[in-house]
Amino acid sequence: MTRDKTQAVPTAARGEPLRERVIDAAERLLRRGKADFSMRDLAAEAGVSFATPFNQFGSKAAIMHALSGRRIDTMAKRFAEMSPPPDAAGRVLLAVDTAVEVMLEEPEINRAVMGWIGTAGPSTGTVLAHSTTLWSLALGAGDGLSVEGRQEALRCLPEQLAFAFRGVLSFWTAGELSSDALASNAREITKTLLRGFAGRPLSRESAS
């Protein structure tokens, strides 16, 4: 039976679930500029057998998808800790600003992760569903959106916002959009989507 090589791993790490150990190791390698790490490199960094990353994830692409999910979780956690505006448009734009802040904290790591998001793994990814959950959280009950279109907005906007933010990030990842321009462009495309459902013009705070 193949056993994980845990002798080189700190005691505190040995009790962590294997998936988390592998993801943590991938993040450390990316932080050291090793975006082209192999699964063998990853296993060594995590202190597990060569087979473990494959057994837990199936591919490097799936690991990168998991890292993307970790970032979305961070965005949602920070947003939940804030005191958001009472209107849905203001909350969504605050979520945009929060998401951009997370992406720009470690841009090289996040560009590397984003570069893998379009790569298919052995199973269907969950990044879209994960991202859609963040925007649903921001929309809440749709306060301030038009009464006639509110249910339609709550049904379709979260996924459309996920598509829009991902699109802006793809150009940032490719280097066609600077970090300084990321927030403004993300906000503009978000406001374009929101205007179709706004019950009134976006407030000055939301539009700024």
N, C-alpha and C. Protein backbone atom coordinates (compact mmCIF):
# COMPACT_ATOMS: atom_id res chain seq x y z
N MET A 1 0.85 -1.19 0.00
CA MET A 1 0.00 0.00 0.00
C MET A 1 0.89 1.24 0.00
N THR A 2 0.54 2.22 -0.85
CA THR A 2 1.30 3.46 -0.89
C THR A 2 0.96 4.31 0.30
N ARG A 3 1.97 4.83 0.97
CA ARG A 3 1.74 5.65 2.16
C ARG A 3 2.20 7.07 1.88
N ASP A 4 1.50 8.06 2.46
CA ASP A 4 1.92 9.45 2.31
C ASP A 4 3.23 9.66 3.04
N LYS A 5 4.11 10.44 2.44
CA LYS A 5 5.42 10.71 3.04
C LYS A 5 5.29 11.91 3.96
N THR A 6 4.78 11.67 5.15
CA THR A 6 4.48 12.78 6.05
C THR A 6 5.63 13.14 6.98
N GLN A 7 6.72 12.39 6.93
CA GLN A 7 7.76 12.64 7.91
C GLN A 7 8.38 14.03 7.78
N ALA A 8 8.33 14.62 6.56
CA ALA A 8 8.93 15.93 6.36
C ALA A 8 7.93 17.06 6.58
N VAL A 9 6.68 16.72 6.87
CA VAL A 9 5.64 17.71 7.04
C VAL A 9 5.52 18.09 8.51
N PRO A 10 5.43 19.40 8.84
CA PRO A 10 5.26 19.81 10.23
C PRO A 10 4.07 19.11 10.87
N THR A 11 4.20 18.86 12.18
CA THR A 11 3.16 18.14 12.89
C THR A 11 1.79 18.76 12.72
N ALA A 12 1.71 20.11 12.75
CA ALA A 12 0.42 20.79 12.64
C ALA A 12 -0.25 20.49 11.31
N ALA A 13 0.55 20.22 10.28
CA ALA A 13 -0.01 19.99 8.95
C ALA A 13 -0.50 18.56 8.78
N ARG A 14 0.00 17.63 9.61
CA ARG A 14 -0.32 16.22 9.38
C ARG A 14 -1.79 15.91 9.60
N GLY A 15 -2.44 16.68 10.45
CA GLY A 15 -3.84 16.41 10.72
C GLY A 15 -4.78 17.07 9.72
N GLU A 16 -4.25 17.89 8.81
CA GLU A 16 -5.10 18.56 7.84
C GLU A 16 -5.65 17.56 6.83
N PRO A 17 -6.87 17.77 6.36
CA PRO A 17 -7.38 16.92 5.28
C PRO A 17 -6.43 16.98 4.09
N LEU A 18 -6.30 15.86 3.40
CA LEU A 18 -5.34 15.79 2.30
C LEU A 18 -5.61 16.84 1.23
N ARG A 19 -6.86 17.06 0.90
CA ARG A 19 -7.17 18.05 -0.14
C ARG A 19 -6.63 19.43 0.24
N GLU A 20 -6.82 19.81 1.50
CA GLU A 20 -6.34 21.12 1.93
C GLU A 20 -4.82 21.18 1.91
N ARG A 21 -4.16 20.11 2.28
CA ARG A 21 -2.70 20.08 2.24
C ARG A 21 -2.19 20.26 0.83
N VAL A 22 -2.84 19.61 -0.12
CA VAL A 22 -2.41 19.72 -1.52
C VAL A 22 -2.65 21.13 -2.04
N ILE A 23 -3.81 21.71 -1.73
CA ILE A 23 -4.11 23.06 -2.19
C ILE A 23 -3.14 24.06 -1.56
N ASP A 24 -2.88 23.91 -0.26
CA ASP A 24 -1.92 24.80 0.41
C ASP A 24 -0.55 24.71 -0.25
N ALA A 25 -0.14 23.51 -0.58
CA ALA A 25 1.17 23.31 -1.21
C ALA A 25 1.21 23.97 -2.58
N ALA A 26 0.14 23.84 -3.35
CA ALA A 26 0.08 24.48 -4.67
C ALA A 26 0.19 25.99 -4.53
N GLU A 27 -0.46 26.54 -3.53
CA GLU A 27 -0.41 27.99 -3.31
C GLU A 27 1.01 28.42 -2.94
N ARG A 28 1.69 27.64 -2.13
CA ARG A 28 3.07 27.98 -1.77
C ARG A 28 3.98 27.96 -2.99
N LEU A 29 3.80 26.97 -3.85
CA LEU A 29 4.63 26.90 -5.06
C LEU A 29 4.36 28.11 -5.96
N LEU A 30 3.11 28.48 -6.12
CA LEU A 30 2.79 29.65 -6.93
C LEU A 30 3.38 30.92 -6.32
N ARG A 31 3.35 31.00 -5.01
CA ARG A 31 3.88 32.18 -4.33
C ARG A 31 5.39 32.31 -4.54
N ARG A 32 6.04 31.18 -4.77
CA ARG A 32 7.48 31.20 -5.04
C ARG A 32 7.78 31.31 -6.53
N GLY A 33 6.75 31.60 -7.33
CA GLY A 33 6.96 31.81 -8.75
C GLY A 33 7.04 30.54 -9.58
N LYS A 34 6.58 29.43 -9.03
CA LYS A 34 6.68 28.15 -9.74
C LYS A 34 5.33 27.75 -10.32
N ALA A 35 4.84 28.56 -11.25
CA ALA A 35 3.53 28.30 -11.86
C ALA A 35 3.55 27.04 -12.72
N ASP A 36 4.73 26.64 -13.17
CA ASP A 36 4.83 25.45 -14.02
C ASP A 36 5.13 24.19 -13.21
N PHE A 37 4.81 24.19 -11.93
CA PHE A 37 5.13 23.04 -11.08
C PHE A 37 4.47 21.78 -11.63
N SER A 38 5.14 20.66 -11.42
CA SER A 38 4.60 19.36 -11.82
C SER A 38 3.85 18.75 -10.65
N MET A 39 3.11 17.71 -10.92
CA MET A 39 2.41 17.02 -9.84
C MET A 39 3.40 16.36 -8.89
N ARG A 40 4.56 15.98 -9.41
CA ARG A 40 5.60 15.43 -8.53
C ARG A 40 6.13 16.52 -7.60
N ASP A 41 6.35 17.73 -8.14
CA ASP A 41 6.77 18.86 -7.30
C ASP A 41 5.73 19.12 -6.21
N LEU A 42 4.47 19.06 -6.62
CA LEU A 42 3.38 19.34 -5.69
C LEU A 42 3.33 18.31 -4.57
N ALA A 43 3.47 17.06 -4.93
CA ALA A 43 3.45 16.00 -3.92
C ALA A 43 4.59 16.18 -2.92
N ALA A 44 5.77 16.53 -3.43
CA ALA A 44 6.91 16.73 -2.55
C ALA A 44 6.68 17.91 -1.62
N GLU A 45 6.12 18.99 -2.15
CA GLU A 45 5.86 20.19 -1.34
C GLU A 45 4.82 19.89 -0.25
N ALA A 46 3.83 19.08 -0.60
CA ALA A 46 2.77 18.76 0.36
C ALA A 46 3.19 17.67 1.35
N GLY A 47 4.28 16.95 1.02
CA GLY A 47 4.71 15.87 1.89
C GLY A 47 3.82 14.66 1.80
N VAL A 48 3.31 14.40 0.59
CA VAL A 48 2.43 13.25 0.38
C VAL A 48 2.99 12.39 -0.75
N SER A 49 2.39 11.23 -0.95
CA SER A 49 2.85 10.35 -2.02
C SER A 49 2.56 10.99 -3.38
N PHE A 50 3.26 10.55 -4.39
CA PHE A 50 3.09 11.07 -5.74
C PHE A 50 1.65 10.91 -6.22
N ALA A 51 1.00 9.82 -5.80
CA ALA A 51 -0.35 9.54 -6.27
C ALA A 51 -1.42 10.41 -5.61
N THR A 52 -1.12 11.00 -4.46
CA THR A 52 -2.15 11.69 -3.69
C THR A 52 -2.81 12.85 -4.44
N PRO A 53 -2.04 13.77 -5.06
CA PRO A 53 -2.72 14.85 -5.79
C PRO A 53 -3.65 14.34 -6.88
N PHE A 54 -3.24 13.27 -7.56
CA PHE A 54 -4.10 12.68 -8.59
C PHE A 54 -5.34 12.06 -7.96
N ASN A 55 -5.16 11.36 -6.87
CA ASN A 55 -6.29 10.70 -6.20
C ASN A 55 -7.29 11.72 -5.67
N GLN A 56 -6.78 12.84 -5.18
CA GLN A 56 -7.65 13.84 -4.57
C GLN A 56 -8.32 14.75 -5.60
N PHE A 57 -7.62 15.05 -6.70
CA PHE A 57 -8.12 16.03 -7.66
C PHE A 57 -8.23 15.51 -9.10
N GLY A 58 -7.32 14.65 -9.49
CA GLY A 58 -7.36 14.12 -10.84
C GLY A 58 -6.47 14.82 -11.84
N SER A 59 -6.23 16.12 -11.63
CA SER A 59 -5.41 16.87 -12.57
C SER A 59 -4.95 18.18 -11.95
N LYS A 60 -3.95 18.79 -12.56
CA LYS A 60 -3.49 20.10 -12.11
C LYS A 60 -4.57 21.15 -12.34
N ALA A 61 -5.32 21.02 -13.45
CA ALA A 61 -6.40 21.97 -13.73
C ALA A 61 -7.41 21.98 -12.59
N ALA A 62 -7.76 20.81 -12.08
CA ALA A 62 -8.73 20.73 -10.99
C ALA A 62 -8.20 21.39 -9.72
N ILE A 63 -6.90 21.28 -9.50
CA ILE A 63 -6.29 21.94 -8.35
C ILE A 63 -6.38 23.45 -8.49
N MET A 64 -6.12 23.95 -9.69
CA MET A 64 -6.22 25.38 -9.93
C MET A 64 -7.68 25.86 -9.78
N HIS A 65 -8.62 25.04 -10.20
CA HIS A 65 -10.03 25.38 -10.00
C HIS A 65 -10.33 25.49 -8.50
N ALA A 66 -9.75 24.60 -7.72
CA ALA A 66 -9.95 24.64 -6.27
C ALA A 66 -9.34 25.90 -5.67
N LEU A 67 -8.19 26.33 -6.20
CA LEU A 67 -7.57 27.57 -5.73
C LEU A 67 -8.46 28.77 -6.08
N SER A 68 -9.09 28.73 -7.25
CA SER A 68 -10.02 29.79 -7.61
C SER A 68 -11.19 29.82 -6.64
N GLY A 69 -11.69 28.65 -6.29
CA GLY A 69 -12.78 28.57 -5.33
C GLY A 69 -12.39 29.14 -3.98
N ARG A 70 -11.15 28.92 -3.59
CA ARG A 70 -10.65 29.47 -2.32
C ARG A 70 -10.69 31.00 -2.35
N ARG A 71 -10.35 31.57 -3.49
CA ARG A 71 -10.36 33.03 -3.60
C ARG A 71 -11.79 33.57 -3.56
N ILE A 72 -12.70 32.88 -4.21
CA ILE A 72 -14.10 33.31 -4.17
C ILE A 72 -14.63 33.22 -2.75
N ASP A 73 -14.24 32.19 -2.01
CA ASP A 73 -14.63 32.08 -0.60
C ASP A 73 -14.12 33.27 0.20
N THR A 74 -12.89 33.69 -0.09
CA THR A 74 -12.32 34.85 0.60
C THR A 74 -13.12 36.11 0.29
N MET A 75 -13.50 36.28 -0.98
CA MET A 75 -14.30 37.43 -1.39
C MET A 75 -15.63 37.44 -0.63
N ALA A 76 -16.30 36.28 -0.60
CA ALA A 76 -17.60 36.19 0.07
C ALA A 76 -17.48 36.44 1.57
N LYS A 77 -16.42 35.94 2.18
CA LYS A 77 -16.22 36.13 3.62
C LYS A 77 -16.01 37.60 3.94
N ARG A 78 -15.18 38.27 3.16
CA ARG A 78 -14.94 39.70 3.41
C ARG A 78 -16.20 40.51 3.21
N PHE A 79 -16.93 40.17 2.15
CA PHE A 79 -18.17 40.90 1.88
C PHE A 79 -19.14 40.72 3.04
N ALA A 80 -19.26 39.50 3.54
CA ALA A 80 -20.20 39.21 4.62
C ALA A 80 -19.84 39.95 5.91
N GLU A 81 -18.56 40.29 6.06
CA GLU A 81 -18.10 40.99 7.27
C GLU A 81 -18.30 42.50 7.19
N MET A 82 -18.70 42.99 6.02
CA MET A 82 -18.89 44.43 5.84
C MET A 82 -20.30 44.85 6.21
N SER A 83 -20.51 46.16 6.22
CA SER A 83 -21.86 46.72 6.40
C SER A 83 -22.28 47.25 5.04
N PRO A 84 -22.91 46.41 4.23
CA PRO A 84 -23.20 46.79 2.85
C PRO A 84 -24.34 47.79 2.74
N PRO A 85 -24.44 48.50 1.63
CA PRO A 85 -25.56 49.42 1.40
C PRO A 85 -26.88 48.67 1.40
N PRO A 86 -28.00 49.38 1.62
CA PRO A 86 -29.30 48.70 1.67
C PRO A 86 -29.83 48.27 0.31
N ASP A 87 -29.33 48.91 -0.77
CA ASP A 87 -29.84 48.58 -2.11
C ASP A 87 -28.97 47.55 -2.80
N ALA A 88 -29.60 46.72 -3.64
CA ALA A 88 -28.90 45.63 -4.31
C ALA A 88 -27.76 46.14 -5.19
N ALA A 89 -27.98 47.23 -5.92
CA ALA A 89 -26.93 47.75 -6.81
C ALA A 89 -25.69 48.14 -6.01
N GLY A 90 -25.91 48.83 -4.91
CA GLY A 90 -24.78 49.22 -4.08
C GLY A 90 -24.04 48.02 -3.51
N ARG A 91 -24.79 46.99 -3.11
CA ARG A 91 -24.15 45.79 -2.56
C ARG A 91 -23.33 45.06 -3.63
N VAL A 92 -23.89 44.97 -4.84
CA VAL A 92 -23.17 44.27 -5.91
C VAL A 92 -21.88 45.02 -6.26
N LEU A 93 -21.94 46.35 -6.31
CA LEU A 93 -20.74 47.11 -6.64
C LEU A 93 -19.71 47.01 -5.51
N LEU A 94 -20.18 46.92 -4.28
CA LEU A 94 -19.25 46.70 -3.17
C LEU A 94 -18.61 45.32 -3.29
N ALA A 95 -19.38 44.33 -3.72
CA ALA A 95 -18.83 42.98 -3.93
C ALA A 95 -17.78 43.00 -5.04
N VAL A 96 -18.03 43.79 -6.08
CA VAL A 96 -17.04 43.93 -7.17
C VAL A 96 -15.74 44.50 -6.62
N ASP A 97 -15.84 45.57 -5.85
CA ASP A 97 -14.64 46.18 -5.28
C ASP A 97 -13.90 45.21 -4.37
N THR A 98 -14.66 44.43 -3.61
CA THR A 98 -14.05 43.45 -2.71
C THR A 98 -13.35 42.36 -3.51
N ALA A 99 -13.99 41.88 -4.57
CA ALA A 99 -13.39 40.84 -5.40
C ALA A 99 -12.11 41.33 -6.07
N VAL A 100 -12.14 42.55 -6.57
CA VAL A 100 -10.94 43.12 -7.20
C VAL A 100 -9.82 43.24 -6.18
N GLU A 101 -10.16 43.68 -4.98
CA GLU A 101 -9.15 43.81 -3.92
C GLU A 101 -8.45 42.48 -3.65
N VAL A 102 -9.23 41.41 -3.59
CA VAL A 102 -8.65 40.08 -3.36
C VAL A 102 -7.72 39.69 -4.51
N MET A 103 -8.15 39.92 -5.74
CA MET A 103 -7.35 39.54 -6.89
C MET A 103 -6.04 40.32 -6.97
N LEU A 104 -6.05 41.57 -6.53
CA LEU A 104 -4.86 42.40 -6.64
C LEU A 104 -3.89 42.25 -5.47
N GLU A 105 -4.29 41.51 -4.44
CA GLU A 105 -3.39 41.31 -3.31
C GLU A 105 -2.18 40.45 -3.70
N GLU A 106 -2.41 39.46 -4.53
CA GLU A 106 -1.32 38.62 -5.03
C GLU A 106 -1.53 38.41 -6.53
N PRO A 107 -1.28 39.44 -7.31
CA PRO A 107 -1.66 39.40 -8.73
C PRO A 107 -0.98 38.29 -9.53
N GLU A 108 0.27 38.01 -9.25
CA GLU A 108 0.95 36.99 -10.05
C GLU A 108 0.37 35.60 -9.78
N ILE A 109 0.08 35.32 -8.52
CA ILE A 109 -0.55 34.04 -8.18
C ILE A 109 -1.92 33.96 -8.84
N ASN A 110 -2.69 35.02 -8.72
CA ASN A 110 -4.05 34.98 -9.23
C ASN A 110 -4.10 34.95 -10.76
N ARG A 111 -3.14 35.57 -11.40
CA ARG A 111 -3.07 35.44 -12.86
C ARG A 111 -2.76 34.00 -13.26
N ALA A 112 -1.88 33.37 -12.51
CA ALA A 112 -1.55 31.97 -12.80
C ALA A 112 -2.77 31.08 -12.63
N VAL A 113 -3.52 31.32 -11.56
CA VAL A 113 -4.74 30.54 -11.32
C VAL A 113 -5.74 30.79 -12.44
N MET A 114 -5.96 32.05 -12.79
CA MET A 114 -6.93 32.39 -13.83
C MET A 114 -6.54 31.78 -15.17
N GLY A 115 -5.25 31.68 -15.42
CA GLY A 115 -4.79 31.11 -16.67
C GLY A 115 -5.18 29.66 -16.85
N TRP A 116 -5.47 28.99 -15.73
CA TRP A 116 -5.85 27.58 -15.77
C TRP A 116 -7.35 27.37 -15.76
N ILE A 117 -8.12 28.42 -15.47
CA ILE A 117 -9.56 28.25 -15.29
C ILE A 117 -10.25 27.75 -16.56
N GLY A 118 -9.72 28.15 -17.71
CA GLY A 118 -10.32 27.71 -18.96
C GLY A 118 -9.88 26.33 -19.40
N THR A 119 -9.04 25.68 -18.59
CA THR A 119 -8.54 24.35 -18.93
C THR A 119 -9.45 23.28 -18.34
N ALA A 120 -9.91 22.40 -19.18
CA ALA A 120 -10.83 21.36 -18.71
C ALA A 120 -10.09 20.31 -17.89
N GLY A 121 -10.70 19.87 -16.82
CA GLY A 121 -10.17 18.79 -16.01
C GLY A 121 -10.89 17.50 -16.33
N PRO A 122 -10.62 16.44 -15.58
CA PRO A 122 -11.28 15.15 -15.82
C PRO A 122 -12.77 15.17 -15.49
N SER A 123 -13.20 16.18 -14.73
CA SER A 123 -14.61 16.32 -14.40
C SER A 123 -15.00 17.78 -14.55
N THR A 124 -16.29 18.04 -14.63
CA THR A 124 -16.78 19.41 -14.80
C THR A 124 -16.40 20.27 -13.61
N GLY A 125 -15.90 21.47 -13.88
CA GLY A 125 -15.50 22.38 -12.82
C GLY A 125 -16.71 23.00 -12.13
N THR A 126 -16.45 23.69 -11.03
CA THR A 126 -17.53 24.32 -10.26
C THR A 126 -17.30 25.81 -10.06
N VAL A 127 -16.36 26.39 -10.80
CA VAL A 127 -16.03 27.81 -10.60
C VAL A 127 -17.24 28.69 -10.89
N LEU A 128 -17.97 28.40 -11.96
CA LEU A 128 -19.14 29.23 -12.30
C LEU A 128 -20.18 29.18 -11.19
N ALA A 129 -20.48 28.00 -10.71
CA ALA A 129 -21.46 27.88 -9.63
C ALA A 129 -20.99 28.60 -8.37
N HIS A 130 -19.70 28.48 -8.09
CA HIS A 130 -19.11 29.12 -6.92
C HIS A 130 -19.22 30.64 -7.03
N SER A 131 -18.86 31.15 -8.20
CA SER A 131 -18.91 32.59 -8.43
C SER A 131 -20.35 33.10 -8.39
N THR A 132 -21.27 32.34 -8.97
CA THR A 132 -22.67 32.74 -8.98
C THR A 132 -23.21 32.90 -7.56
N THR A 133 -22.75 32.05 -6.65
CA THR A 133 -23.18 32.14 -5.26
C THR A 133 -22.77 33.47 -4.63
N LEU A 134 -21.56 33.94 -4.96
CA LEU A 134 -21.09 35.23 -4.44
C LEU A 134 -22.01 36.35 -4.89
N TRP A 135 -22.38 36.37 -6.16
CA TRP A 135 -23.21 37.47 -6.67
C TRP A 135 -24.64 37.35 -6.16
N SER A 136 -25.11 36.15 -5.92
CA SER A 136 -26.43 35.99 -5.30
C SER A 136 -26.44 36.57 -3.90
N LEU A 137 -25.35 36.35 -3.17
CA LEU A 137 -25.21 36.91 -1.83
C LEU A 137 -25.28 38.43 -1.88
N ALA A 138 -24.60 39.02 -2.85
CA ALA A 138 -24.58 40.48 -2.97
C ALA A 138 -25.95 41.03 -3.36
N LEU A 139 -26.65 40.36 -4.26
CA LEU A 139 -27.97 40.83 -4.69
C LEU A 139 -29.00 40.77 -3.58
N GLY A 140 -28.87 39.80 -2.70
CA GLY A 140 -29.84 39.65 -1.62
C GLY A 140 -31.24 39.46 -2.15
N ALA A 141 -32.19 40.24 -1.63
CA ALA A 141 -33.58 40.14 -2.05
C ALA A 141 -33.89 41.06 -3.22
N GLY A 142 -32.85 41.72 -3.75
CA GLY A 142 -33.06 42.60 -4.91
C GLY A 142 -33.60 43.96 -4.55
N ASP A 143 -33.38 44.41 -3.33
CA ASP A 143 -33.87 45.72 -2.88
C ASP A 143 -33.43 46.82 -3.86
N GLY A 144 -34.40 47.64 -4.28
CA GLY A 144 -34.09 48.75 -5.17
C GLY A 144 -34.18 48.43 -6.65
N LEU A 145 -34.27 47.16 -6.98
CA LEU A 145 -34.47 46.80 -8.38
C LEU A 145 -35.95 46.98 -8.72
N SER A 146 -36.27 47.11 -10.01
CA SER A 146 -37.65 47.32 -10.40
C SER A 146 -38.52 46.16 -9.92
N VAL A 147 -39.70 46.48 -9.45
CA VAL A 147 -40.60 45.45 -8.94
C VAL A 147 -40.97 44.47 -10.05
N GLU A 148 -41.20 45.00 -11.26
CA GLU A 148 -41.61 44.14 -12.36
C GLU A 148 -40.52 43.16 -12.76
N GLY A 149 -39.27 43.60 -12.70
CA GLY A 149 -38.18 42.75 -13.17
C GLY A 149 -37.37 42.08 -12.08
N ARG A 150 -37.81 42.22 -10.83
CA ARG A 150 -36.98 41.75 -9.71
C ARG A 150 -36.78 40.24 -9.74
N GLN A 151 -37.83 39.49 -9.95
CA GLN A 151 -37.69 38.04 -9.94
C GLN A 151 -36.80 37.56 -11.09
N GLU A 152 -36.96 38.19 -12.24
CA GLU A 152 -36.09 37.85 -13.37
C GLU A 152 -34.64 38.20 -13.06
N ALA A 153 -34.43 39.33 -12.39
CA ALA A 153 -33.07 39.74 -12.02
C ALA A 153 -32.45 38.74 -11.06
N LEU A 154 -33.21 38.31 -10.06
CA LEU A 154 -32.68 37.36 -9.09
C LEU A 154 -32.41 36.01 -9.74
N ARG A 155 -33.15 35.70 -10.80
CA ARG A 155 -32.95 34.43 -11.49
C ARG A 155 -31.71 34.45 -12.38
N CYS A 156 -31.51 35.54 -13.13
CA CYS A 156 -30.45 35.52 -14.15
C CYS A 156 -29.22 36.37 -13.84
N LEU A 157 -29.39 37.42 -13.02
CA LEU A 157 -28.26 38.33 -12.80
C LEU A 157 -27.04 37.68 -12.14
N PRO A 158 -27.21 36.83 -11.12
CA PRO A 158 -26.00 36.26 -10.50
C PRO A 158 -25.07 35.58 -11.50
N GLU A 159 -25.63 34.77 -12.39
CA GLU A 159 -24.79 34.09 -13.37
C GLU A 159 -24.22 35.07 -14.38
N GLN A 160 -25.02 36.07 -14.79
CA GLN A 160 -24.52 37.06 -15.75
C GLN A 160 -23.40 37.90 -15.14
N LEU A 161 -23.52 38.22 -13.86
CA LEU A 161 -22.45 38.95 -13.17
C LEU A 161 -21.19 38.10 -13.09
N ALA A 162 -21.36 36.80 -12.87
CA ALA A 162 -20.21 35.89 -12.85
C ALA A 162 -19.52 35.89 -14.20
N PHE A 163 -20.29 35.82 -15.29
CA PHE A 163 -19.73 35.85 -16.64
C PHE A 163 -18.98 37.17 -16.86
N ALA A 164 -19.61 38.27 -16.46
CA ALA A 164 -19.02 39.59 -16.71
C ALA A 164 -17.71 39.77 -15.96
N PHE A 165 -17.70 39.42 -14.68
CA PHE A 165 -16.47 39.60 -13.89
C PHE A 165 -15.36 38.70 -14.41
N ARG A 166 -15.72 37.47 -14.77
CA ARG A 166 -14.74 36.55 -15.34
C ARG A 166 -14.16 37.11 -16.64
N GLY A 167 -15.01 37.73 -17.45
CA GLY A 167 -14.54 38.30 -18.71
C GLY A 167 -13.51 39.40 -18.49
N VAL A 168 -13.79 40.29 -17.55
CA VAL A 168 -12.84 41.37 -17.26
C VAL A 168 -11.54 40.77 -16.73
N LEU A 169 -11.65 39.79 -15.86
CA LEU A 169 -10.44 39.15 -15.30
C LEU A 169 -9.61 38.49 -16.39
N SER A 170 -10.26 37.95 -17.42
CA SER A 170 -9.50 37.26 -18.47
C SER A 170 -8.59 38.23 -19.21
N PHE A 171 -9.06 39.45 -19.45
CA PHE A 171 -8.22 40.44 -20.12
C PHE A 171 -7.11 40.93 -19.19
N TRP A 172 -7.40 41.02 -17.90
CA TRP A 172 -6.37 41.37 -16.92
C TRP A 172 -5.32 40.28 -16.85
N THR A 173 -5.76 39.03 -16.87
CA THR A 173 -4.84 37.88 -16.83
C THR A 173 -3.91 37.89 -18.03
N ALA A 174 -4.46 38.25 -19.18
CA ALA A 174 -3.67 38.26 -20.42
C ALA A 174 -2.76 39.47 -20.54
N GLY A 175 -2.87 40.41 -19.60
CA GLY A 175 -2.03 41.59 -19.63
C GLY A 175 -2.57 42.71 -20.49
N GLU A 176 -3.78 42.55 -21.02
CA GLU A 176 -4.38 43.59 -21.86
C GLU A 176 -5.07 44.67 -21.03
N LEU A 177 -5.30 44.37 -19.76
CA LEU A 177 -5.93 45.31 -18.85
C LEU A 177 -5.03 45.47 -17.64
N SER A 178 -4.65 46.70 -17.33
CA SER A 178 -3.73 46.92 -16.21
C SER A 178 -4.45 46.73 -14.88
N SER A 179 -3.66 46.50 -13.84
CA SER A 179 -4.23 46.36 -12.50
C SER A 179 -4.95 47.64 -12.08
N ASP A 180 -4.41 48.79 -12.50
CA ASP A 180 -5.04 50.06 -12.15
C ASP A 180 -6.42 50.22 -12.79
N ALA A 181 -6.62 49.56 -13.93
CA ALA A 181 -7.88 49.70 -14.66
C ALA A 181 -8.87 48.57 -14.35
N LEU A 182 -8.45 47.60 -13.56
CA LEU A 182 -9.31 46.44 -13.32
C LEU A 182 -10.60 46.83 -12.61
N ALA A 183 -10.50 47.59 -11.53
CA ALA A 183 -11.69 47.93 -10.75
C ALA A 183 -12.68 48.76 -11.57
N SER A 184 -12.20 49.77 -12.27
CA SER A 184 -13.11 50.64 -13.01
C SER A 184 -13.84 49.89 -14.11
N ASN A 185 -13.14 49.00 -14.80
CA ASN A 185 -13.78 48.24 -15.87
C ASN A 185 -14.76 47.21 -15.32
N ALA A 186 -14.41 46.60 -14.20
CA ALA A 186 -15.33 45.65 -13.57
C ALA A 186 -16.60 46.35 -13.11
N ARG A 187 -16.44 47.55 -12.58
CA ARG A 187 -17.61 48.31 -12.14
C ARG A 187 -18.48 48.74 -13.31
N GLU A 188 -17.86 49.15 -14.42
CA GLU A 188 -18.63 49.62 -15.55
C GLU A 188 -19.50 48.53 -16.16
N ILE A 189 -18.93 47.35 -16.34
CA ILE A 189 -19.74 46.28 -16.93
C ILE A 189 -20.82 45.82 -15.95
N THR A 190 -20.53 45.89 -14.67
CA THR A 190 -21.53 45.55 -13.66
C THR A 190 -22.68 46.54 -13.68
N LYS A 191 -22.36 47.84 -13.78
CA LYS A 191 -23.41 48.86 -13.82
C LYS A 191 -24.26 48.72 -15.08
N THR A 192 -23.65 48.32 -16.18
CA THR A 192 -24.41 48.11 -17.41
C THR A 192 -25.46 47.02 -17.21
N LEU A 193 -25.08 45.93 -16.55
CA LEU A 193 -26.03 44.86 -16.27
C LEU A 193 -27.11 45.30 -15.29
N LEU A 194 -26.71 46.04 -14.27
CA LEU A 194 -27.67 46.46 -13.25
C LEU A 194 -28.70 47.44 -13.79
N ARG A 195 -28.29 48.30 -14.72
CA ARG A 195 -29.22 49.32 -15.23
C ARG A 195 -30.44 48.70 -15.90
N GLY A 196 -30.28 47.51 -16.44
CA GLY A 196 -31.42 46.86 -17.08
C GLY A 196 -32.51 46.46 -16.10
N PHE A 197 -32.17 46.43 -14.81
CA PHE A 197 -33.14 45.99 -13.81
C PHE A 197 -33.37 47.05 -12.73
N ALA A 198 -32.75 48.20 -12.86
CA ALA A 198 -32.85 49.22 -11.82
C ALA A 198 -34.24 49.82 -11.80
N GLY A 199 -34.81 49.93 -10.61
CA GLY A 199 -36.12 50.54 -10.48
C GLY A 199 -36.03 52.05 -10.55
N ARG A 200 -34.82 52.57 -10.42
CA ARG A 200 -34.57 54.01 -10.49
C ARG A 200 -33.11 54.16 -10.89
N PRO A 201 -32.70 55.36 -11.30
CA PRO A 201 -31.29 55.55 -11.67
C PRO A 201 -30.38 55.13 -10.52
N LEU A 202 -29.22 54.57 -10.85
CA LEU A 202 -28.29 54.18 -9.81
C LEU A 202 -27.90 55.39 -8.98
N SER A 203 -27.82 55.19 -7.67
CA SER A 203 -27.47 56.30 -6.78
C SER A 203 -26.08 56.80 -7.10
N ARG A 204 -25.81 58.03 -6.66
CA ARG A 204 -24.48 58.62 -6.91
C ARG A 204 -23.40 57.75 -6.31
N GLU A 205 -23.67 57.17 -5.12
CA GLU A 205 -22.67 56.32 -4.49
C GLU A 205 -22.44 55.06 -5.32
N SER A 206 -23.53 54.49 -5.85
CA SER A 206 -23.39 53.26 -6.63
C SER A 206 -22.72 53.54 -7.96
N ALA A 207 -23.03 54.70 -8.55
CA ALA A 207 -22.50 54.99 -9.89
C ALA A 207 -21.06 55.45 -9.87
N SER A 208 -20.57 55.86 -8.71
CA SER A 208 -19.19 56.39 -8.66
C SER A 208 -18.17 55.28 -8.79
